[in-house]
């Protein structure tokens, strides 16, 4: 059984590897193709290995990426010295939080021990069935039971156009955690269960949040999806909106949870990076990346993202 059979890949995934790809490059690649209606390549998939150096120790993963599809297929238990050498060969260090493409040495090892092996002992599939309900962690307290007894923090709720310096100022002013811009930051939430497992309320900010969110699409289609969700009255409300930079960053935890995202476990991991109600000056769109714990921007003309909507609680 070869690697592609063992992973039970879909027919839309080509049985080949893009050896120079990383998560950031893959995102830009698929964004640049355009996430418009009628896109003929919306089912296209690309596979690539990359070294994830964001956790306590670096790990080697096999990723599958598409326009509307992001999934880690497997972890590869390569010798640690090969992974470490790969990081240093790209000018990184074990303390540098980043993703790296595999180098020539690691590529040769992967070809011999994983890709071309009939039954690799180093490949550990991470089958993530959508039918399996996500772990939401310990039960949240009910509304009014979070022990928050201070004055509410009112975060900006208006659409903005922000440059890089203003983003830095925002993160510093509110002391949000950002793995690159403010790694010592922390903003404590007081989350309460709204009683239906699809929404939660942060009693500190007075915001109600989706536990899940909206699927990957263009900014144009995202606005349409929000309008439709409000027309349908999601969770009984009709005033859901895209969060601002401040609101989305207020959910950022200081360490990733067991699902691999910098969020409280009550939130789904299926929205790893989200649109915010802000454009970047001079060009681009701002995103909050809960997978890597940071703000970033994309310069694509029609970049794609997920979204987790919020609304104010009166």
C-alpha atoms as a PDB file:
ATOM      1  CA  UNK A   1       0.000   0.000   0.000  1.00  0.00           C
ATOM      2  CA  UNK A   2       1.620   3.258  -1.095  1.00  0.00           C
ATOM      3  CA  UNK A   3       1.288   6.618   0.634  1.00  0.00           C
ATOM      4  CA  UNK A   4      -1.614   7.929  -1.463  1.00  0.00           C
ATOM      5  CA  UNK A   5      -3.657   4.755  -0.977  1.00  0.00           C
ATOM      6  CA  UNK A   6      -2.986   4.734   2.755  1.00  0.00           C
ATOM      7  CA  UNK A   7      -4.227   8.299   3.080  1.00  0.00           C
ATOM      8  CA  UNK A   8      -7.430   7.528   1.142  1.00  0.00           C
ATOM      9  CA  UNK A   9      -7.026  10.684  -0.913  1.00  0.00           C
ATOM     10  CA  UNK A  10      -9.924  11.984  -2.961  1.00  0.00           C
ATOM     11  CA  UNK A  11      -9.981  11.679  -6.746  1.00  0.00           C
ATOM     12  CA  UNK A  12      -9.397  15.422  -7.021  1.00  0.00           C
ATOM     13  CA  UNK A  13      -6.023  15.157  -5.298  1.00  0.00           C
ATOM     14  CA  UNK A  14      -3.189  14.540  -7.707  1.00  0.00           C
ATOM     15  CA  UNK A  15      -0.804  11.753  -6.757  1.00  0.00           C
ATOM     16  CA  UNK A  16       2.167  14.123  -6.681  1.00  0.00           C
ATOM     17  CA  UNK A  17       3.932  16.421  -4.252  1.00  0.00           C
ATOM     18  CA  UNK A  18       4.759  20.136  -4.560  1.00  0.00           C
ATOM     19  CA  UNK A  19       8.159  20.132  -2.879  1.00  0.00           C
ATOM     20  CA  UNK A  20       8.685  23.889  -2.523  1.00  0.00           C
ATOM     21  CA  UNK A  21       5.284  24.690  -1.067  1.00  0.00           C
ATOM     22  CA  UNK A  22       4.502  26.020   2.431  1.00  0.00           C
ATOM     23  CA  UNK A  23       1.146  26.968   4.037  1.00  0.00           C
ATOM     24  CA  UNK A  24       1.681  30.698   3.429  1.00  0.00           C
ATOM     25  CA  UNK A  25       2.693  30.163  -0.205  1.00  0.00           C
ATOM     26  CA  UNK A  26      -0.205  27.767  -0.798  1.00  0.00           C
ATOM     27  CA  UNK A  27      -2.672  30.313   0.571  1.00  0.00           C
ATOM     28  CA  UNK A  28      -1.310  33.034  -1.717  1.00  0.00           C
ATOM     29  CA  UNK A  29      -1.263  30.649  -4.685  1.00  0.00           C
ATOM     30  CA  UNK A  30      -4.905  29.699  -4.375  1.00  0.00           C
ATOM     31  CA  UNK A  31      -5.960  33.265  -3.566  1.00  0.00           C
ATOM     32  CA  UNK A  32      -4.250  34.509  -6.723  1.00  0.00           C
ATOM     33  CA  UNK A  33      -6.253  32.061  -8.829  1.00  0.00           C
ATOM     34  CA  UNK A  34      -9.354  33.986  -7.926  1.00  0.00           C
ATOM     35  CA  UNK A  35     -12.178  32.879  -5.701  1.00  0.00           C
ATOM     36  CA  UNK A  36     -14.937  34.099  -7.985  1.00  0.00           C
ATOM     37  CA  UNK A  37     -18.155  32.449  -9.026  1.00  0.00           C
ATOM     38  CA  UNK A  38     -17.806  29.720 -11.613  1.00  0.00           C
ATOM     39  CA  UNK A  39     -14.150  29.047 -10.871  1.00  0.00           C
ATOM     40  CA  UNK A  40     -13.354  25.882 -12.808  1.00  0.00           C
ATOM     41  CA  UNK A  41     -10.478  24.850 -10.518  1.00  0.00           C
ATOM     42  CA  UNK A  42     -12.438  25.035  -7.244  1.00  0.00           C
ATOM     43  CA  UNK A  43     -11.943  21.277  -6.724  1.00  0.00           C
ATOM     44  CA  UNK A  44      -8.222  21.341  -7.396  1.00  0.00           C
ATOM     45  CA  UNK A  45      -5.940  20.008  -4.665  1.00  0.00           C
ATOM     46  CA  UNK A  46      -2.209  20.242  -4.041  1.00  0.00           C
ATOM     47  CA  UNK A  47      -0.175  18.203  -1.558  1.00  0.00           C
ATOM     48  CA  UNK A  48       3.063  19.281   0.074  1.00  0.00           C
ATOM     49  CA  UNK A  49       5.267  18.525   3.070  1.00  0.00           C
ATOM     50  CA  UNK A  50       6.312  21.295   5.434  1.00  0.00           C
ATOM     51  CA  UNK A  51       8.021  21.726   8.794  1.00  0.00           C
ATOM     52  CA  UNK A  52       5.821  23.356  11.430  1.00  0.00           C
ATOM     53  CA  UNK A  53       8.033  25.167  13.947  1.00  0.00           C
ATOM     54  CA  UNK A  54       5.277  26.835  15.976  1.00  0.00           C
ATOM     55  CA  UNK A  55       4.894  24.339  18.805  1.00  0.00           C
ATOM     56  CA  UNK A  56       7.147  23.128  21.604  1.00  0.00           C
ATOM     57  CA  UNK A  57       9.101  21.068  19.080  1.00  0.00           C
ATOM     58  CA  UNK A  58       9.078  21.165  15.254  1.00  0.00           C
ATOM     59  CA  UNK A  59       6.939  18.658  13.398  1.00  0.00           C
ATOM     60  CA  UNK A  60       6.756  17.473   9.806  1.00  0.00           C
ATOM     61  CA  UNK A  61       3.326  17.408   8.180  1.00  0.00           C
ATOM     62  CA  UNK A  62       1.749  16.490   4.864  1.00  0.00           C
ATOM     63  CA  UNK A  63      -0.861  19.094   3.894  1.00  0.00           C
ATOM     64  CA  UNK A  64      -3.624  19.074   1.298  1.00  0.00           C
ATOM     65  CA  UNK A  65      -4.744  22.504   0.057  1.00  0.00           C
ATOM     66  CA  UNK A  66      -7.446  23.695  -2.278  1.00  0.00           C
ATOM     67  CA  UNK A  67      -9.415  26.850  -2.894  1.00  0.00           C
ATOM     68  CA  UNK A  68     -12.037  25.820  -0.335  1.00  0.00           C
ATOM     69  CA  UNK A  69     -10.143  23.051   1.390  1.00  0.00           C
ATOM     70  CA  UNK A  70      -7.332  23.028   3.974  1.00  0.00           C
ATOM     71  CA  UNK A  71      -6.432  19.769   5.709  1.00  0.00           C
ATOM     72  CA  UNK A  72      -3.408  18.183   7.362  1.00  0.00           C
ATOM     73  CA  UNK A  73      -3.369  14.667   5.958  1.00  0.00           C
ATOM     74  CA  UNK A  74      -0.650  13.158   8.111  1.00  0.00           C
ATOM     75  CA  UNK A  75       2.240  13.717  10.466  1.00  0.00           C
ATOM     76  CA  UNK A  76       5.569  12.236   9.421  1.00  0.00           C
ATOM     77  CA  UNK A  77       7.744  10.995  12.295  1.00  0.00           C
ATOM     78  CA  UNK A  78      11.053  11.789  10.620  1.00  0.00           C
ATOM     79  CA  UNK A  79      14.297  11.701  12.615  1.00  0.00           C
ATOM     80  CA  UNK A  80      14.411  14.883  14.663  1.00  0.00           C
ATOM     81  CA  UNK A  81      17.888  15.768  13.466  1.00  0.00           C
ATOM     82  CA  UNK A  82      16.639  15.857   9.864  1.00  0.00           C
ATOM     83  CA  UNK A  83      13.838  18.239  10.825  1.00  0.00           C
ATOM     84  CA  UNK A  84      16.190  20.459  12.818  1.00  0.00           C
ATOM     85  CA  UNK A  85      18.751  20.533  10.001  1.00  0.00           C
ATOM     86  CA  UNK A  86      15.977  21.514   7.591  1.00  0.00           C
ATOM     87  CA  UNK A  87      15.091  24.527   9.745  1.00  0.00           C
ATOM     88  CA  UNK A  88      18.694  25.698  10.069  1.00  0.00           C
ATOM     89  CA  UNK A  89      19.355  25.194   6.346  1.00  0.00           C
ATOM     90  CA  UNK A  90      16.639  27.778   5.679  1.00  0.00           C
ATOM     91  CA  UNK A  91      18.236  30.229   8.108  1.00  0.00           C
ATOM     92  CA  UNK A  92      15.842  29.506  10.974  1.00  0.00           C
ATOM     93  CA  UNK A  93      16.322  28.257  14.508  1.00  0.00           C
ATOM     94  CA  UNK A  94      14.321  26.185  16.976  1.00  0.00           C
ATOM     95  CA  UNK A  95      13.187  29.423  18.612  1.00  0.00           C
ATOM     96  CA  UNK A  96      11.935  30.930  15.349  1.00  0.00           C
ATOM     97  CA  UNK A  97       8.208  30.438  14.910  1.00  0.00           C
ATOM     98  CA  UNK A  98       7.647  29.803  11.232  1.00  0.00           C
ATOM     99  CA  UNK A  99       6.888  27.187   8.596  1.00  0.00           C
ATOM    100  CA  UNK A 100       9.604  25.825   6.306  1.00  0.00           C
ATOM    101  CA  UNK A 101       9.633  23.839   3.062  1.00  0.00           C
ATOM    102  CA  UNK A 102      11.623  20.623   3.149  1.00  0.00           C
ATOM    103  CA  UNK A 103      15.263  20.834   2.074  1.00  0.00           C
ATOM    104  CA  UNK A 104      17.106  18.465  -0.291  1.00  0.00           C
ATOM    105  CA  UNK A 105      18.199  16.079   2.481  1.00  0.00           C
ATOM    106  CA  UNK A 106      14.741  15.748   3.965  1.00  0.00           C
ATOM    107  CA  UNK A 107      13.237  15.367   0.494  1.00  0.00           C
ATOM    108  CA  UNK A 108      15.512  12.394  -0.254  1.00  0.00           C
ATOM    109  CA  UNK A 109      14.544  10.779   3.046  1.00  0.00           C
ATOM    110  CA  UNK A 110      10.833  11.339   2.397  1.00  0.00           C
ATOM    111  CA  UNK A 111      11.030   9.860  -1.086  1.00  0.00           C
ATOM    112  CA  UNK A 112      12.765   6.740   0.183  1.00  0.00           C
ATOM    113  CA  UNK A 113      10.948   6.213   3.475  1.00  0.00           C
ATOM    114  CA  UNK A 114       7.470   7.644   2.902  1.00  0.00           C
ATOM    115  CA  UNK A 115       6.434   8.505  -0.665  1.00  0.00           C
ATOM    116  CA  UNK A 116       7.897   5.490  -2.476  1.00  0.00           C
ATOM    117  CA  UNK A 117       7.640   3.048   0.425  1.00  0.00           C
ATOM    118  CA  UNK A 118       5.030   0.311   0.108  1.00  0.00           C
ATOM    119  CA  UNK A 119       4.030   0.614   3.771  1.00  0.00           C
ATOM    120  CA  UNK A 120       5.850   3.427   5.538  1.00  0.00           C
ATOM    121  CA  UNK A 121       6.284   3.134   9.294  1.00  0.00           C
ATOM    122  CA  UNK A 122       6.812   6.894   9.567  1.00  0.00           C
ATOM    123  CA  UNK A 123       3.476   8.096   8.138  1.00  0.00           C
ATOM    124  CA  UNK A 124       0.672   8.707  10.651  1.00  0.00           C
ATOM    125  CA  UNK A 125      -2.597   9.757   8.960  1.00  0.00           C
ATOM    126  CA  UNK A 126      -4.709  12.329  10.781  1.00  0.00           C
ATOM    127  CA  UNK A 127      -8.117  11.395   9.438  1.00  0.00           C
ATOM    128  CA  UNK A 128     -10.409  14.207  10.506  1.00  0.00           C
ATOM    129  CA  UNK A 129     -13.956  13.079   9.852  1.00  0.00           C
ATOM    130  CA  UNK A 130     -16.380  15.999   9.696  1.00  0.00           C
ATOM    131  CA  UNK A 131     -19.015  13.795  11.295  1.00  0.00           C
ATOM    132  CA  UNK A 132     -17.038  13.617  14.518  1.00  0.00           C
ATOM    133  CA  UNK A 133     -18.183  16.317  16.897  1.00  0.00           C
ATOM    134  CA  UNK A 134     -15.395  18.598  18.045  1.00  0.00           C
ATOM    135  CA  UNK A 135     -14.355  18.641  21.673  1.00  0.00           C
ATOM    136  CA  UNK A 136     -15.502  21.963  23.167  1.00  0.00           C
ATOM    137  CA  UNK A 137     -13.489  21.550  26.354  1.00  0.00           C
ATOM    138  CA  UNK A 138     -14.930  21.971  29.806  1.00  0.00           C
ATOM    139  CA  UNK A 139     -18.460  23.309  30.017  1.00  0.00           C
ATOM    140  CA  UNK A 140     -18.663  27.089  30.046  1.00  0.00           C
ATOM    141  CA  UNK A 141     -20.533  28.849  32.850  1.00  0.00           C
ATOM    142  CA  UNK A 142     -24.025  30.129  32.057  1.00  0.00           C
ATOM    143  CA  UNK A 143     -24.719  33.770  31.260  1.00  0.00           C
ATOM    144  CA  UNK A 144     -24.063  35.823  34.355  1.00  0.00           C
ATOM    145  CA  UNK A 145     -21.919  33.114  35.889  1.00  0.00           C
ATOM    146  CA  UNK A 146     -18.416  34.024  34.670  1.00  0.00           C
ATOM    147  CA  UNK A 147     -17.528  36.062  37.787  1.00  0.00           C
ATOM    148  CA  UNK A 148     -16.709  39.056  35.611  1.00  0.00           C
ATOM    149  CA  UNK A 149     -17.402  42.024  37.867  1.00  0.00           C
ATOM    150  CA  UNK A 150     -15.520  44.865  36.192  1.00  0.00           C
ATOM    151  CA  UNK A 151     -16.643  47.497  33.710  1.00  0.00           C
ATOM    152  CA  UNK A 152     -17.169  46.099  30.218  1.00  0.00           C
ATOM    153  CA  UNK A 153     -14.426  46.698  27.670  1.00  0.00           C
ATOM    154  CA  UNK A 154     -15.974  48.310  24.600  1.00  0.00           C
ATOM    155  CA  UNK A 155     -13.952  47.412  21.517  1.00  0.00           C
ATOM    156  CA  UNK A 156     -14.127  49.439  18.266  1.00  0.00           C
ATOM    157  CA  UNK A 157     -16.864  48.056  16.016  1.00  0.00           C
ATOM    158  CA  UNK A 158     -16.530  50.182  12.875  1.00  0.00           C
ATOM    159  CA  UNK A 159     -14.977  49.265   9.515  1.00  0.00           C
ATOM    160  CA  UNK A 160     -11.443  50.671   9.177  1.00  0.00           C
ATOM    161  CA  UNK A 161      -8.523  51.049   6.791  1.00  0.00           C
ATOM    162  CA  UNK A 162      -5.266  50.411   8.672  1.00  0.00           C
ATOM    163  CA  UNK A 163      -1.564  50.418   7.840  1.00  0.00           C
ATOM    164  CA  UNK A 164       1.062  48.160   9.429  1.00  0.00           C
ATOM    165  CA  UNK A 165       2.003  50.680  12.125  1.00  0.00           C
ATOM    166  CA  UNK A 166      -1.619  51.102  13.174  1.00  0.00           C
ATOM    167  CA  UNK A 167      -2.012  47.337  13.515  1.00  0.00           C
ATOM    168  CA  UNK A 168       1.037  47.281  15.782  1.00  0.00           C
ATOM    169  CA  UNK A 169      -0.433  50.117  17.858  1.00  0.00           C
ATOM    170  CA  UNK A 170      -3.787  48.355  18.199  1.00  0.00           C
ATOM    171  CA  UNK A 171      -2.217  45.110  19.354  1.00  0.00           C
ATOM    172  CA  UNK A 172      -0.001  46.918  21.850  1.00  0.00           C
ATOM    173  CA  UNK A 173      -2.753  49.210  23.157  1.00  0.00           C
ATOM    174  CA  UNK A 174      -5.166  46.371  23.912  1.00  0.00           C
ATOM    175  CA  UNK A 175      -2.345  43.973  24.872  1.00  0.00           C
ATOM    176  CA  UNK A 176      -3.567  41.302  22.462  1.00  0.00           C
ATOM    177  CA  UNK A 177      -1.380  38.254  22.018  1.00  0.00           C
ATOM    178  CA  UNK A 178       0.347  38.116  18.633  1.00  0.00           C
ATOM    179  CA  UNK A 179       3.108  35.562  18.189  1.00  0.00           C
ATOM    180  CA  UNK A 180       5.190  38.054  16.211  1.00  0.00           C
ATOM    181  CA  UNK A 181       4.084  41.559  17.201  1.00  0.00           C
ATOM    182  CA  UNK A 182       3.306  41.039  20.908  1.00  0.00           C
ATOM    183  CA  UNK A 183       4.263  37.546  22.151  1.00  0.00           C
ATOM    184  CA  UNK A 184       3.964  38.675  25.789  1.00  0.00           C
ATOM    185  CA  UNK A 185       0.429  39.984  25.342  1.00  0.00           C
ATOM    186  CA  UNK A 186      -2.731  38.528  26.840  1.00  0.00           C
ATOM    187  CA  UNK A 187      -6.397  39.546  26.722  1.00  0.00           C
ATOM    188  CA  UNK A 188      -8.569  37.536  29.091  1.00  0.00           C
ATOM    189  CA  UNK A 189     -12.095  36.630  28.026  1.00  0.00           C
ATOM    190  CA  UNK A 190     -15.052  35.733  30.226  1.00  0.00           C
ATOM    191  CA  UNK A 191     -16.961  33.364  27.961  1.00  0.00           C
ATOM    192  CA  UNK A 192     -20.448  32.185  28.857  1.00  0.00           C
ATOM    193  CA  UNK A 193     -22.583  29.478  27.279  1.00  0.00           C
ATOM    194  CA  UNK A 194     -25.653  30.890  25.554  1.00  0.00           C
ATOM    195  CA  UNK A 195     -27.341  27.518  25.970  1.00  0.00           C
ATOM    196  CA  UNK A 196     -27.312  25.991  22.493  1.00  0.00           C
ATOM    197  CA  UNK A 197     -23.642  25.134  21.729  1.00  0.00           C
ATOM    198  CA  UNK A 198     -23.632  27.311  18.602  1.00  0.00           C
ATOM    199  CA  UNK A 199     -23.065  30.714  20.212  1.00  0.00           C
ATOM    200  CA  UNK A 200     -21.159  32.047  23.221  1.00  0.00           C
ATOM    201  CA  UNK A 201     -21.040  35.455  24.901  1.00  0.00           C
ATOM    202  CA  UNK A 202     -17.927  37.207  26.146  1.00  0.00           C
ATOM    203  CA  UNK A 203     -19.191  39.072  29.187  1.00  0.00           C
ATOM    204  CA  UNK A 204     -16.038  41.199  29.203  1.00  0.00           C
ATOM    205  CA  UNK A 205     -16.674  42.730  25.775  1.00  0.00           C
ATOM    206  CA  UNK A 206     -20.426  42.235  25.515  1.00  0.00           C
ATOM    207  CA  UNK A 207     -20.016  40.371  22.228  1.00  0.00           C
ATOM    208  CA  UNK A 208     -21.872  37.266  21.098  1.00  0.00           C
ATOM    209  CA  UNK A 209     -19.855  34.924  18.851  1.00  0.00           C
ATOM    210  CA  UNK A 210     -20.459  31.990  16.569  1.00  0.00           C
ATOM    211  CA  UNK A 211     -18.767  28.885  17.917  1.00  0.00           C
ATOM    212  CA  UNK A 212     -18.293  27.825  14.312  1.00  0.00           C
ATOM    213  CA  UNK A 213     -18.273  30.177  11.359  1.00  0.00           C
ATOM    214  CA  UNK A 214     -18.560  30.632   7.615  1.00  0.00           C
ATOM    215  CA  UNK A 215     -16.659  28.560   5.077  1.00  0.00           C
ATOM    216  CA  UNK A 216     -13.740  29.676   2.909  1.00  0.00           C
ATOM    217  CA  UNK A 217     -14.751  32.053   0.123  1.00  0.00           C
ATOM    218  CA  UNK A 218     -14.005  35.428  -1.454  1.00  0.00           C
ATOM    219  CA  UNK A 219     -14.778  38.684   0.341  1.00  0.00           C
ATOM    220  CA  UNK A 220     -17.655  39.305  -2.090  1.00  0.00           C
ATOM    221  CA  UNK A 221     -19.229  35.924  -1.421  1.00  0.00           C
ATOM    222  CA  UNK A 222     -18.570  36.279   2.313  1.00  0.00           C
ATOM    223  CA  UNK A 223     -20.668  39.452   2.401  1.00  0.00           C
ATOM    224  CA  UNK A 224     -23.438  37.608   0.572  1.00  0.00           C
ATOM    225  CA  UNK A 225     -23.211  34.705   3.020  1.00  0.00           C
ATOM    226  CA  UNK A 226     -23.508  37.091   5.981  1.00  0.00           C
ATOM    227  CA  UNK A 227     -26.551  38.721   4.425  1.00  0.00           C
ATOM    228  CA  UNK A 228     -28.174  35.320   3.885  1.00  0.00           C
ATOM    229  CA  UNK A 229     -27.368  34.214   7.427  1.00  0.00           C
ATOM    230  CA  UNK A 230     -29.022  37.364   8.778  1.00  0.00           C
ATOM    231  CA  UNK A 231     -32.038  36.862   6.519  1.00  0.00           C
ATOM    232  CA  UNK A 232     -32.369  33.349   7.943  1.00  0.00           C
ATOM    233  CA  UNK A 233     -31.998  34.630  11.509  1.00  0.00           C
ATOM    234  CA  UNK A 234     -29.068  32.532  12.701  1.00  0.00           C
ATOM    235  CA  UNK A 235     -29.591  31.593  16.380  1.00  0.00           C
ATOM    236  CA  UNK A 236     -32.614  33.881  16.364  1.00  0.00           C
ATOM    237  CA  UNK A 237     -30.744  37.091  15.481  1.00  0.00           C
ATOM    238  CA  UNK A 238     -30.521  39.206  12.329  1.00  0.00           C
ATOM    239  CA  UNK A 239     -27.608  41.534  13.056  1.00  0.00           C
ATOM    240  CA  UNK A 240     -24.520  39.323  12.733  1.00  0.00           C
ATOM    241  CA  UNK A 241     -21.475  41.026  11.258  1.00  0.00           C
ATOM    242  CA  UNK A 242     -17.829  40.581  10.439  1.00  0.00           C
ATOM    243  CA  UNK A 243     -15.657  41.387  13.500  1.00  0.00           C
ATOM    244  CA  UNK A 244     -13.211  44.260  13.581  1.00  0.00           C
ATOM    245  CA  UNK A 245      -9.488  43.706  14.063  1.00  0.00           C
ATOM    246  CA  UNK A 246      -9.870  44.417  17.779  1.00  0.00           C
ATOM    247  CA  UNK A 247     -12.845  42.108  18.193  1.00  0.00           C
ATOM    248  CA  UNK A 248     -11.285  39.176  16.342  1.00  0.00           C
ATOM    249  CA  UNK A 249      -7.953  39.608  18.144  1.00  0.00           C
ATOM    250  CA  UNK A 250      -9.713  39.667  21.526  1.00  0.00           C
ATOM    251  CA  UNK A 251     -10.370  35.920  21.122  1.00  0.00           C
ATOM    252  CA  UNK A 252      -6.690  35.087  20.563  1.00  0.00           C
ATOM    253  CA  UNK A 253      -5.318  32.775  23.254  1.00  0.00           C
ATOM    254  CA  UNK A 254      -1.648  32.814  24.244  1.00  0.00           C
ATOM    255  CA  UNK A 255      -1.076  29.125  23.442  1.00  0.00           C
ATOM    256  CA  UNK A 256      -2.691  26.745  20.952  1.00  0.00           C
ATOM    257  CA  UNK A 257      -5.306  24.369  22.309  1.00  0.00           C
ATOM    258  CA  UNK A 258      -5.415  20.622  21.671  1.00  0.00           C
ATOM    259  CA  UNK A 259      -7.057  21.320  18.301  1.00  0.00           C
ATOM    260  CA  UNK A 260      -4.013  23.345  17.247  1.00  0.00           C
ATOM    261  CA  UNK A 261      -5.562  26.821  17.221  1.00  0.00           C
ATOM    262  CA  UNK A 262      -5.007  29.814  19.490  1.00  0.00           C
ATOM    263  CA  UNK A 263      -8.612  29.838  20.674  1.00  0.00           C
ATOM    264  CA  UNK A 264     -10.720  28.653  23.559  1.00  0.00           C
ATOM    265  CA  UNK A 265     -11.794  25.073  22.708  1.00  0.00           C
ATOM    266  CA  UNK A 266     -15.451  26.128  22.609  1.00  0.00           C
ATOM    267  CA  UNK A 267     -14.646  27.560  19.168  1.00  0.00           C
ATOM    268  CA  UNK A 268     -14.315  25.326  16.116  1.00  0.00           C
ATOM    269  CA  UNK A 269     -10.929  24.768  14.490  1.00  0.00           C
ATOM    270  CA  UNK A 270     -12.545  24.789  11.040  1.00  0.00           C
ATOM    271  CA  UNK A 271     -12.034  28.559  10.645  1.00  0.00           C
ATOM    272  CA  UNK A 272      -8.228  28.804  11.030  1.00  0.00           C
ATOM    273  CA  UNK A 273      -7.932  32.325   9.570  1.00  0.00           C
ATOM    274  CA  UNK A 274     -10.734  34.856   9.359  1.00  0.00           C
ATOM    275  CA  UNK A 275     -11.688  38.020   7.532  1.00  0.00           C
ATOM    276  CA  UNK A 276     -12.005  41.176   9.616  1.00  0.00           C
ATOM    277  CA  UNK A 277     -13.810  44.417   8.877  1.00  0.00           C
ATOM    278  CA  UNK A 278     -10.671  46.199   7.757  1.00  0.00           C
ATOM    279  CA  UNK A 279      -8.702  46.822   4.596  1.00  0.00           C
ATOM    280  CA  UNK A 280      -4.953  47.268   4.641  1.00  0.00           C
ATOM    281  CA  UNK A 281      -3.402  50.571   3.625  1.00  0.00           C
ATOM    282  CA  UNK A 282      -2.018  50.958   0.954  1.00  0.00           C
ATOM    283  CA  UNK A 283      -3.370  47.649  -0.387  1.00  0.00           C
ATOM    284  CA  UNK A 284      -4.620  44.248   0.709  1.00  0.00           C
ATOM    285  CA  UNK A 285      -6.895  42.720   3.317  1.00  0.00           C
ATOM    286  CA  UNK A 286      -6.229  42.091   7.005  1.00  0.00           C
ATOM    287  CA  UNK A 287      -6.806  38.628   8.495  1.00  0.00           C
ATOM    288  CA  UNK A 288      -6.520  37.109  11.964  1.00  0.00           C
ATOM    289  CA  UNK A 289      -4.733  33.749  11.819  1.00  0.00           C
ATOM    290  CA  UNK A 290      -5.703  31.549  14.776  1.00  0.00           C
ATOM    291  CA  UNK A 291      -3.559  28.697  13.482  1.00  0.00           C
ATOM    292  CA  UNK A 292      -0.311  30.666  13.788  1.00  0.00           C
ATOM    293  CA  UNK A 293      -1.471  33.163  16.388  1.00  0.00           C
ATOM    294  CA  UNK A 294      -0.952  36.392  14.499  1.00  0.00           C
ATOM    295  CA  UNK A 295      -2.299  39.167  12.286  1.00  0.00           C
ATOM    296  CA  UNK A 296      -1.346  39.076   8.609  1.00  0.00           C
ATOM    297  CA  UNK A 297      -2.422  40.512   5.299  1.00  0.00           C
ATOM    298  CA  UNK A 298      -2.851  39.232   1.777  1.00  0.00           C
ATOM    299  CA  UNK A 299      -2.194  41.367  -1.265  1.00  0.00           C
ATOM    300  CA  UNK A 300      -4.386  39.290  -3.586  1.00  0.00           C
ATOM    301  CA  UNK A 301      -7.116  41.196  -5.380  1.00  0.00           C
ATOM    302  CA  UNK A 302      -9.713  38.666  -4.266  1.00  0.00           C
ATOM    303  CA  UNK A 303      -8.197  36.824  -1.303  1.00  0.00           C
ATOM    304  CA  UNK A 304     -10.178  34.092   0.362  1.00  0.00           C
ATOM    305  CA  UNK A 305     -10.825  33.540   4.021  1.00  0.00           C
ATOM    306  CA  UNK A 306     -13.154  32.085   6.588  1.00  0.00           C
ATOM    307  CA  UNK A 307     -15.177  34.165   9.020  1.00  0.00           C
ATOM    308  CA  UNK A 308     -16.473  33.959  12.592  1.00  0.00           C
ATOM    309  CA  UNK A 309     -19.302  36.438  13.051  1.00  0.00           C
ATOM    310  CA  UNK A 310     -20.179  38.458  16.117  1.00  0.00           C
ATOM    311  CA  UNK A 311     -22.916  40.816  17.317  1.00  0.00           C
ATOM    312  CA  UNK A 312     -23.311  43.184  20.225  1.00  0.00           C
ATOM    313  CA  UNK A 313     -25.401  42.048  23.187  1.00  0.00           C
ATOM    314  CA  UNK A 314     -27.683  44.731  24.574  1.00  0.00           C
END
